[in-house]
């Protein structure tokens, strides 16, 4: 079975001991597409405030591969990083994030915008909002759910059971409902 483009899927992967950046480095060297949601945090270093880009959730890496290759990497002990799939509990199989949803998530989470808000999947009930697409601005093309968070209108892109990310304020004129 060849690893053609259609076999590739986004897997949500857990690593241990905050080694997500080490895994990402390895995947980058292998030319394998991956994504770690990052944000800027301020630290006090001596008497200075330092801004640093850090993972939003430690131990989480999204990897785009076919299942065969993902299992090979998982089994590769030379990597020295224990890797586990985040499982879809109902189906008892690794959680797979649809490409379109993942690219919407990356478009928002990858903006490193201070106004992006990360939401724990447990806190978030996505049943209430309308499915929407952003038609203009920096988040054009992103699909998600329309919600009010902290008093602002935002679009939330959720990776079910893992996490969600909300855009900065989006003007209603840039949002259209999708069925």
Protein backbone atom coordinates (compact mmCIF):
# COMPACT_ATOMS: atom_id res chain seq x y z
CA UNK A 1 0.00 0.00 0.00
CA UNK A 2 1.65 3.25 -1.12
CA UNK A 3 1.54 6.31 1.10
CA UNK A 4 -0.34 8.53 -1.29
CA UNK A 5 -1.93 11.83 -0.29
CA UNK A 6 -5.37 10.30 0.33
CA UNK A 7 -4.06 7.95 3.06
CA UNK A 8 -2.80 10.89 5.11
CA UNK A 9 -4.79 11.69 8.22
CA UNK A 10 -4.33 14.08 11.13
CA UNK A 11 -3.77 12.11 14.35
CA UNK A 12 -3.81 13.69 17.81
CA UNK A 13 -0.75 12.30 19.60
CA UNK A 14 0.29 12.41 23.26
CA UNK A 15 3.95 12.34 24.28
CA UNK A 16 5.36 12.25 27.81
CA UNK A 17 7.46 14.65 29.87
CA UNK A 18 6.78 17.73 27.71
CA UNK A 19 8.76 16.31 24.80
CA UNK A 20 6.36 17.62 22.17
CA UNK A 21 9.00 19.96 20.70
CA UNK A 22 11.50 17.08 20.41
CA UNK A 23 8.93 15.01 18.51
CA UNK A 24 8.10 17.98 16.28
CA UNK A 25 11.81 18.46 15.54
CA UNK A 26 12.11 14.80 14.54
CA UNK A 27 8.98 15.00 12.34
CA UNK A 28 10.25 18.22 10.71
CA UNK A 29 13.56 16.49 9.86
CA UNK A 30 11.59 13.64 8.26
CA UNK A 31 9.48 16.13 6.27
CA UNK A 32 6.30 15.02 8.08
CA UNK A 33 3.59 17.64 8.55
CA UNK A 34 2.76 18.30 12.21
CA UNK A 35 1.32 21.06 14.37
CA UNK A 36 1.63 22.13 17.99
CA UNK A 37 -0.69 24.91 19.22
CA UNK A 38 1.60 27.59 20.67
CA UNK A 39 1.08 30.89 22.48
CA UNK A 40 3.20 33.71 23.86
CA UNK A 41 3.69 33.69 27.63
CA UNK A 42 5.51 36.28 29.72
CA UNK A 43 8.18 35.11 32.16
CA UNK A 44 10.22 37.08 34.65
CA UNK A 45 13.92 36.51 34.01
CA UNK A 46 16.05 38.35 36.52
CA UNK A 47 14.50 41.82 36.47
CA UNK A 48 13.17 41.65 32.91
CA UNK A 49 9.93 40.42 31.46
CA UNK A 50 10.60 37.96 28.62
CA UNK A 51 8.02 36.84 26.03
CA UNK A 52 8.40 33.26 24.90
CA UNK A 53 6.47 31.10 22.46
CA UNK A 54 5.41 27.95 24.33
CA UNK A 55 3.03 25.02 23.70
CA UNK A 56 -0.54 25.70 24.84
CA UNK A 57 -0.96 22.11 26.03
CA UNK A 58 2.16 20.17 26.86
CA UNK A 59 2.46 16.65 25.44
CA UNK A 60 0.10 17.27 22.48
CA UNK A 61 1.17 17.04 18.83
CA UNK A 62 -1.03 16.78 15.76
CA UNK A 63 0.65 14.66 13.06
CA UNK A 64 -0.45 14.17 9.44
CA UNK A 65 0.50 10.68 8.24
CA UNK A 66 -0.99 7.39 7.16
CA UNK A 67 -1.73 4.94 9.96
CA UNK A 68 1.02 2.51 8.88
CA UNK A 69 3.76 5.15 9.04
CA UNK A 70 2.38 6.55 12.31
CA UNK A 71 2.56 3.06 13.84
CA UNK A 72 6.17 2.73 12.59
CA UNK A 73 7.17 5.99 14.26
CA UNK A 74 5.34 4.90 17.42
CA UNK A 75 7.32 1.65 17.44
CA UNK A 76 10.69 3.30 16.64
CA UNK A 77 12.47 3.01 19.98
CA UNK A 78 15.46 5.01 18.72
CA UNK A 79 13.17 8.04 19.01
CA UNK A 80 13.15 7.53 22.82
CA UNK A 81 9.86 9.41 23.11
CA UNK A 82 6.87 7.32 24.21
CA UNK A 83 3.98 8.20 21.87
CA UNK A 84 0.30 7.37 22.36
CA UNK A 85 -2.68 8.01 20.15
CA UNK A 86 -5.46 10.06 21.68
CA UNK A 87 -8.36 7.65 21.28
CA UNK A 88 -11.90 8.13 20.05
CA UNK A 89 -13.64 6.45 23.00
CA UNK A 90 -16.82 5.46 21.16
CA UNK A 91 -15.05 3.83 18.23
CA UNK A 92 -12.07 2.58 20.25
CA UNK A 93 -9.65 3.73 17.57
CA UNK A 94 -7.18 6.61 17.24
CA UNK A 95 -8.84 10.01 16.99
CA UNK A 96 -8.57 11.33 13.42
CA UNK A 97 -9.16 15.03 12.78
CA UNK A 98 -10.68 15.80 9.35
CA UNK A 99 -8.28 17.85 7.16
CA UNK A 100 -10.67 20.78 6.75
CA UNK A 101 -11.24 21.03 10.51
CA UNK A 102 -7.50 20.76 11.20
CA UNK A 103 -6.60 23.47 8.70
CA UNK A 104 -9.26 25.77 10.22
CA UNK A 105 -7.78 25.02 13.65
CA UNK A 106 -4.23 25.74 12.41
CA UNK A 107 -5.38 28.99 10.75
CA UNK A 108 -6.64 30.27 14.10
CA UNK A 109 -4.18 28.64 16.53
CA UNK A 110 -1.19 29.35 14.26
CA UNK A 111 -1.84 33.09 14.29
CA UNK A 112 -0.14 33.43 17.75
CA UNK A 113 -2.55 36.29 18.30
CA UNK A 114 -2.90 37.49 21.89
CA UNK A 115 -6.66 37.68 21.39
CA UNK A 116 -6.94 34.00 20.53
CA UNK A 117 -8.53 32.15 23.45
CA UNK A 118 -7.89 28.46 24.10
CA UNK A 119 -10.75 26.50 25.58
CA UNK A 120 -10.67 23.18 27.33
CA UNK A 121 -12.92 20.70 25.52
CA UNK A 122 -14.67 19.86 28.83
CA UNK A 123 -15.77 23.45 29.39
CA UNK A 124 -17.07 23.87 25.90
CA UNK A 125 -20.48 22.74 24.75
CA UNK A 126 -20.44 23.30 21.01
CA UNK A 127 -24.07 22.26 20.51
CA UNK A 128 -25.39 25.75 21.13
CA UNK A 129 -23.83 27.76 18.28
CA UNK A 130 -24.45 27.95 14.54
CA UNK A 131 -21.92 26.40 12.14
CA UNK A 132 -20.25 29.33 10.41
CA UNK A 133 -17.53 30.25 7.93
CA UNK A 134 -15.45 33.43 8.13
CA UNK A 135 -15.54 35.19 4.75
CA UNK A 136 -12.89 37.88 5.17
CA UNK A 137 -10.01 39.16 7.26
CA UNK A 138 -7.10 37.13 8.62
CA UNK A 139 -9.32 34.12 9.40
CA UNK A 140 -11.05 33.98 5.98
CA UNK A 141 -12.13 30.44 5.08
CA UNK A 142 -12.10 29.18 8.68
CA UNK A 143 -15.16 27.13 9.59
CA UNK A 144 -16.35 26.70 13.14
CA UNK A 145 -19.10 27.52 15.58
CA UNK A 146 -20.31 31.01 16.38
CA UNK A 147 -20.24 31.78 20.13
CA UNK A 148 -19.94 34.69 22.51
CA UNK A 149 -16.89 34.40 24.74
CA UNK A 150 -15.82 37.12 27.15
CA UNK A 151 -18.53 39.34 25.66
CA UNK A 152 -17.09 39.21 22.11
CA UNK A 153 -18.34 37.43 19.01
CA UNK A 154 -15.84 34.72 18.12
CA UNK A 155 -15.64 31.62 15.96
CA UNK A 156 -14.60 28.47 17.77
CA UNK A 157 -12.82 25.61 16.00
CA UNK A 158 -12.96 22.46 18.08
CA UNK A 159 -10.92 19.26 17.91
CA UNK A 160 -13.47 17.02 19.58
CA UNK A 161 -12.35 15.67 22.93
CA UNK A 162 -8.95 17.38 22.71
CA UNK A 163 -9.24 21.17 22.72
CA UNK A 164 -10.78 24.15 20.99
CA UNK A 165 -9.50 27.52 19.91
CA UNK A 166 -11.51 30.73 19.51
CA UNK A 167 -10.61 33.51 17.09
CA UNK A 168 -10.15 37.09 18.10
CA UNK A 169 -13.33 39.20 17.69
CA UNK A 170 -14.83 38.67 14.25
CA UNK A 171 -17.18 41.31 12.83
CA UNK A 172 -20.61 39.82 12.00
CA UNK A 173 -20.32 41.12 8.42
CA UNK A 174 -17.47 38.66 7.86
CA UNK A 175 -19.43 35.61 9.04
CA UNK A 176 -21.83 33.48 7.02
CA UNK A 177 -23.91 30.53 8.24
CA UNK A 178 -23.08 27.13 6.70
CA UNK A 179 -25.36 24.12 6.85
